[in-house]
N, C-alpha and C. Protein backbone atom coordinates (compact mmCIF):
# COMPACT_ATOMS: atom_id res chain seq x y z
N UNK A 1 -4.82 11.85 -29.22
CA UNK A 1 -5.46 12.41 -28.08
C UNK A 1 -6.42 11.38 -27.47
N UNK A 2 -6.45 11.33 -26.17
CA UNK A 2 -7.34 10.37 -25.44
C UNK A 2 -8.52 11.16 -24.96
N UNK A 3 -9.73 10.57 -25.23
CA UNK A 3 -10.95 11.17 -24.68
C UNK A 3 -11.23 10.59 -23.34
N UNK A 4 -11.55 11.51 -22.38
CA UNK A 4 -11.93 11.05 -21.09
C UNK A 4 -13.28 11.59 -20.67
N UNK A 5 -13.93 10.90 -19.76
CA UNK A 5 -15.23 11.32 -19.21
C UNK A 5 -15.21 11.29 -17.77
N UNK A 6 -16.03 12.13 -17.15
CA UNK A 6 -16.17 12.05 -15.73
C UNK A 6 -17.42 11.23 -15.45
N UNK A 7 -17.24 10.35 -14.40
CA UNK A 7 -18.40 9.52 -14.08
C UNK A 7 -18.38 9.27 -12.60
N UNK A 8 -19.57 8.82 -12.06
CA UNK A 8 -19.70 8.49 -10.66
C UNK A 8 -20.17 7.08 -10.60
N UNK A 9 -19.46 6.25 -9.81
CA UNK A 9 -19.88 4.88 -9.52
C UNK A 9 -20.53 4.82 -8.18
N UNK A 10 -21.61 4.14 -8.14
CA UNK A 10 -22.26 3.82 -6.81
C UNK A 10 -22.17 2.31 -6.61
N UNK A 11 -21.53 1.93 -5.53
CA UNK A 11 -21.27 0.56 -5.23
C UNK A 11 -21.95 0.18 -3.91
N UNK A 12 -22.74 -0.90 -3.91
CA UNK A 12 -23.33 -1.43 -2.73
C UNK A 12 -22.69 -2.82 -2.45
N UNK A 13 -22.09 -2.91 -1.24
CA UNK A 13 -21.39 -4.19 -0.91
C UNK A 13 -22.27 -4.89 0.16
N UNK A 14 -22.79 -6.01 -0.19
CA UNK A 14 -23.60 -6.80 0.78
C UNK A 14 -22.76 -7.98 1.33
N UNK A 15 -21.64 -8.26 0.67
CA UNK A 15 -20.76 -9.36 1.12
C UNK A 15 -19.44 -8.71 1.54
N UNK A 16 -19.23 -8.61 2.87
CA UNK A 16 -18.05 -7.93 3.36
C UNK A 16 -16.75 -8.64 2.93
N UNK A 17 -16.81 -9.93 2.53
CA UNK A 17 -15.64 -10.65 2.04
C UNK A 17 -15.11 -10.09 0.67
N UNK A 18 -15.92 -9.28 -0.02
CA UNK A 18 -15.50 -8.71 -1.30
C UNK A 18 -14.79 -7.34 -1.11
N UNK A 19 -14.78 -6.82 0.04
CA UNK A 19 -14.19 -5.49 0.25
C UNK A 19 -12.70 -5.40 -0.05
N UNK A 20 -11.95 -6.44 0.26
CA UNK A 20 -10.52 -6.44 -0.05
C UNK A 20 -10.30 -6.42 -1.54
N UNK A 21 -11.13 -7.17 -2.29
CA UNK A 21 -10.97 -7.21 -3.74
C UNK A 21 -11.38 -5.82 -4.37
N UNK A 22 -12.37 -5.19 -3.83
CA UNK A 22 -12.76 -3.87 -4.28
C UNK A 22 -11.64 -2.86 -4.07
N UNK A 23 -11.12 -2.91 -2.87
CA UNK A 23 -9.99 -1.96 -2.53
C UNK A 23 -8.80 -2.19 -3.44
N UNK A 24 -8.50 -3.45 -3.80
CA UNK A 24 -7.41 -3.74 -4.68
C UNK A 24 -7.67 -3.20 -6.07
N UNK A 25 -8.90 -3.37 -6.58
CA UNK A 25 -9.24 -2.84 -7.92
C UNK A 25 -9.15 -1.34 -7.88
N UNK A 26 -9.67 -0.68 -6.84
CA UNK A 26 -9.65 0.79 -6.80
C UNK A 26 -8.22 1.30 -6.72
N UNK A 27 -7.34 0.58 -6.06
CA UNK A 27 -5.93 0.88 -6.05
C UNK A 27 -5.33 0.83 -7.50
N UNK A 28 -5.69 -0.24 -8.18
CA UNK A 28 -5.16 -0.42 -9.55
C UNK A 28 -5.59 0.72 -10.46
N UNK A 29 -6.80 1.31 -10.23
CA UNK A 29 -7.29 2.38 -11.08
C UNK A 29 -7.11 3.75 -10.40
N UNK A 30 -6.28 3.82 -9.39
CA UNK A 30 -6.11 5.03 -8.57
C UNK A 30 -5.74 6.27 -9.33
N UNK A 31 -5.02 6.10 -10.43
CA UNK A 31 -4.58 7.25 -11.23
C UNK A 31 -5.76 8.02 -11.85
N UNK A 32 -6.88 7.30 -12.00
CA UNK A 32 -8.07 7.92 -12.54
C UNK A 32 -9.10 8.45 -11.56
N UNK A 33 -8.97 7.99 -10.32
CA UNK A 33 -9.96 8.34 -9.34
C UNK A 33 -9.80 9.74 -8.80
N UNK A 34 -10.85 10.49 -8.82
CA UNK A 34 -10.87 11.92 -8.38
C UNK A 34 -11.06 11.88 -6.86
N UNK A 35 -12.04 11.07 -6.43
CA UNK A 35 -12.37 11.04 -5.01
C UNK A 35 -13.21 9.76 -4.69
N UNK A 36 -13.23 9.42 -3.39
CA UNK A 36 -13.89 8.26 -2.99
C UNK A 36 -14.55 8.49 -1.58
N UNK A 37 -15.80 7.96 -1.44
CA UNK A 37 -16.45 8.05 -0.15
C UNK A 37 -16.98 6.68 0.20
N UNK A 38 -16.66 6.22 1.34
CA UNK A 38 -17.19 4.93 1.80
C UNK A 38 -17.92 5.07 3.11
N UNK A 39 -19.13 4.45 3.08
CA UNK A 39 -20.02 4.57 4.27
C UNK A 39 -20.42 3.22 4.77
N UNK A 40 -19.95 2.80 5.93
CA UNK A 40 -20.43 1.50 6.46
C UNK A 40 -21.82 1.75 7.11
N UNK A 41 -22.79 0.95 6.62
CA UNK A 41 -24.14 1.14 7.15
C UNK A 41 -24.43 -0.12 8.02
N UNK A 42 -24.00 -0.04 9.25
CA UNK A 42 -24.08 -1.18 10.14
C UNK A 42 -25.48 -1.69 10.42
N UNK A 43 -26.43 -0.80 10.39
CA UNK A 43 -27.81 -1.15 10.70
C UNK A 43 -28.28 -2.22 9.66
N UNK A 44 -27.89 -2.08 8.38
CA UNK A 44 -28.26 -3.01 7.32
C UNK A 44 -27.15 -4.00 6.95
N UNK A 45 -26.02 -3.87 7.65
CA UNK A 45 -24.87 -4.77 7.39
C UNK A 45 -24.38 -4.74 5.95
N UNK A 46 -24.33 -3.45 5.41
CA UNK A 46 -23.84 -3.26 4.10
C UNK A 46 -22.83 -2.12 4.06
N UNK A 47 -22.10 -1.93 2.96
CA UNK A 47 -21.23 -0.79 2.80
C UNK A 47 -21.60 -0.13 1.46
N UNK A 48 -21.57 1.22 1.54
CA UNK A 48 -21.94 2.03 0.36
C UNK A 48 -20.66 2.82 0.01
N UNK A 49 -20.26 2.70 -1.30
CA UNK A 49 -19.06 3.36 -1.76
C UNK A 49 -19.44 4.21 -2.98
N UNK A 50 -18.99 5.45 -3.00
CA UNK A 50 -19.13 6.28 -4.21
C UNK A 50 -17.75 6.65 -4.72
N UNK A 51 -17.59 6.52 -6.01
CA UNK A 51 -16.31 6.86 -6.65
C UNK A 51 -16.53 7.89 -7.71
N UNK A 52 -15.77 8.95 -7.68
CA UNK A 52 -15.78 9.93 -8.82
C UNK A 52 -14.49 9.61 -9.59
N UNK A 53 -14.64 9.51 -10.91
CA UNK A 53 -13.54 9.07 -11.76
C UNK A 53 -13.49 9.84 -13.05
N UNK A 54 -12.31 10.15 -13.55
CA UNK A 54 -12.11 10.84 -14.82
C UNK A 54 -11.17 9.91 -15.64
N UNK A 55 -11.69 9.25 -16.66
CA UNK A 55 -10.93 8.25 -17.41
C UNK A 55 -11.57 8.06 -18.74
N UNK A 56 -10.86 7.33 -19.62
CA UNK A 56 -11.49 6.92 -20.91
C UNK A 56 -12.70 6.04 -20.60
N UNK A 57 -13.74 6.12 -21.41
CA UNK A 57 -14.95 5.37 -21.14
C UNK A 57 -14.70 3.87 -20.99
N UNK A 58 -13.78 3.32 -21.83
CA UNK A 58 -13.47 1.89 -21.74
C UNK A 58 -12.88 1.51 -20.39
N UNK A 59 -12.07 2.42 -19.87
CA UNK A 59 -11.46 2.18 -18.54
C UNK A 59 -12.49 2.20 -17.44
N UNK A 60 -13.43 3.14 -17.51
CA UNK A 60 -14.50 3.25 -16.52
C UNK A 60 -15.37 1.94 -16.59
N UNK A 61 -15.72 1.59 -17.83
CA UNK A 61 -16.54 0.35 -18.04
C UNK A 61 -15.85 -0.88 -17.52
N UNK A 62 -14.56 -0.98 -17.73
CA UNK A 62 -13.76 -2.09 -17.29
C UNK A 62 -13.76 -2.19 -15.82
N UNK A 63 -13.52 -1.09 -15.11
CA UNK A 63 -13.54 -1.13 -13.63
C UNK A 63 -14.90 -1.52 -13.12
N UNK A 64 -15.99 -0.93 -13.72
CA UNK A 64 -17.28 -1.20 -13.24
C UNK A 64 -17.64 -2.69 -13.48
N UNK A 65 -17.23 -3.22 -14.61
CA UNK A 65 -17.50 -4.65 -14.87
C UNK A 65 -16.81 -5.57 -13.94
N UNK A 66 -15.53 -5.25 -13.60
CA UNK A 66 -14.79 -6.10 -12.65
C UNK A 66 -15.44 -6.01 -11.23
N UNK A 67 -15.84 -4.82 -10.87
CA UNK A 67 -16.47 -4.71 -9.57
C UNK A 67 -17.84 -5.46 -9.48
N UNK A 68 -18.57 -5.31 -10.52
CA UNK A 68 -19.89 -5.97 -10.69
C UNK A 68 -19.85 -7.43 -10.66
N UNK A 69 -18.74 -8.05 -10.98
CA UNK A 69 -18.62 -9.52 -11.03
C UNK A 69 -18.32 -10.07 -9.60
N UNK A 70 -17.99 -9.22 -8.69
CA UNK A 70 -17.66 -9.69 -7.35
C UNK A 70 -18.91 -10.16 -6.64
N UNK A 71 -18.72 -11.17 -5.78
CA UNK A 71 -19.84 -11.77 -5.05
C UNK A 71 -20.49 -10.79 -4.09
N UNK A 72 -21.78 -10.57 -4.14
CA UNK A 72 -22.50 -9.71 -3.22
C UNK A 72 -22.24 -8.21 -3.41
N UNK A 73 -21.90 -7.82 -4.67
CA UNK A 73 -21.59 -6.41 -4.95
C UNK A 73 -22.41 -5.99 -6.13
N UNK A 74 -23.05 -4.81 -5.98
CA UNK A 74 -23.77 -4.16 -7.13
C UNK A 74 -23.13 -2.86 -7.40
N UNK A 75 -23.10 -2.52 -8.71
CA UNK A 75 -22.48 -1.20 -9.10
C UNK A 75 -23.30 -0.63 -10.24
N UNK A 76 -23.45 0.70 -10.19
CA UNK A 76 -24.13 1.44 -11.25
C UNK A 76 -23.25 2.65 -11.55
N UNK A 77 -23.11 3.00 -12.80
CA UNK A 77 -22.25 4.16 -13.22
C UNK A 77 -23.08 5.17 -13.92
N UNK A 78 -22.88 6.46 -13.54
CA UNK A 78 -23.53 7.54 -14.24
C UNK A 78 -22.42 8.38 -14.90
N UNK A 79 -22.55 8.57 -16.22
CA UNK A 79 -21.53 9.33 -16.98
C UNK A 79 -22.01 10.77 -17.24
N UNK A 80 -21.07 11.67 -17.12
CA UNK A 80 -21.34 13.10 -17.53
C UNK A 80 -21.29 13.09 -19.05
N UNK A 81 -21.88 14.15 -19.65
CA UNK A 81 -21.90 14.33 -21.07
C UNK A 81 -20.67 15.03 -21.56
N UNK A 82 -19.82 15.52 -20.64
CA UNK A 82 -18.63 16.28 -20.94
C UNK A 82 -17.50 15.33 -21.29
N UNK A 83 -16.95 15.55 -22.51
CA UNK A 83 -15.84 14.71 -22.96
C UNK A 83 -14.61 15.64 -23.07
N UNK A 84 -13.50 15.23 -22.47
CA UNK A 84 -12.29 16.00 -22.53
C UNK A 84 -11.28 15.31 -23.40
N UNK A 85 -10.42 16.07 -24.03
CA UNK A 85 -9.38 15.46 -24.90
C UNK A 85 -8.03 15.76 -24.22
N UNK A 86 -7.32 14.69 -23.85
CA UNK A 86 -6.09 14.92 -23.17
C UNK A 86 -4.96 14.32 -23.97
């Protein structure tokens, strides 16, 4: 049985050149993503992305780490305490 958790990732993109890489990573993890909301904040020249995800904790951490390594990108993840066995 695989344990999964629900989490929310908050991503702030200050470097628009990283958006294509973020979209590619999100596509790669698409089977785990519950929903996604992207908000371009033109006044501050940033993009705000929220991702709801249901996946094994290692998978969530892997995605968060890959996103966090991108230039001009910050990411924080909040995990629910609910663990499901699939």
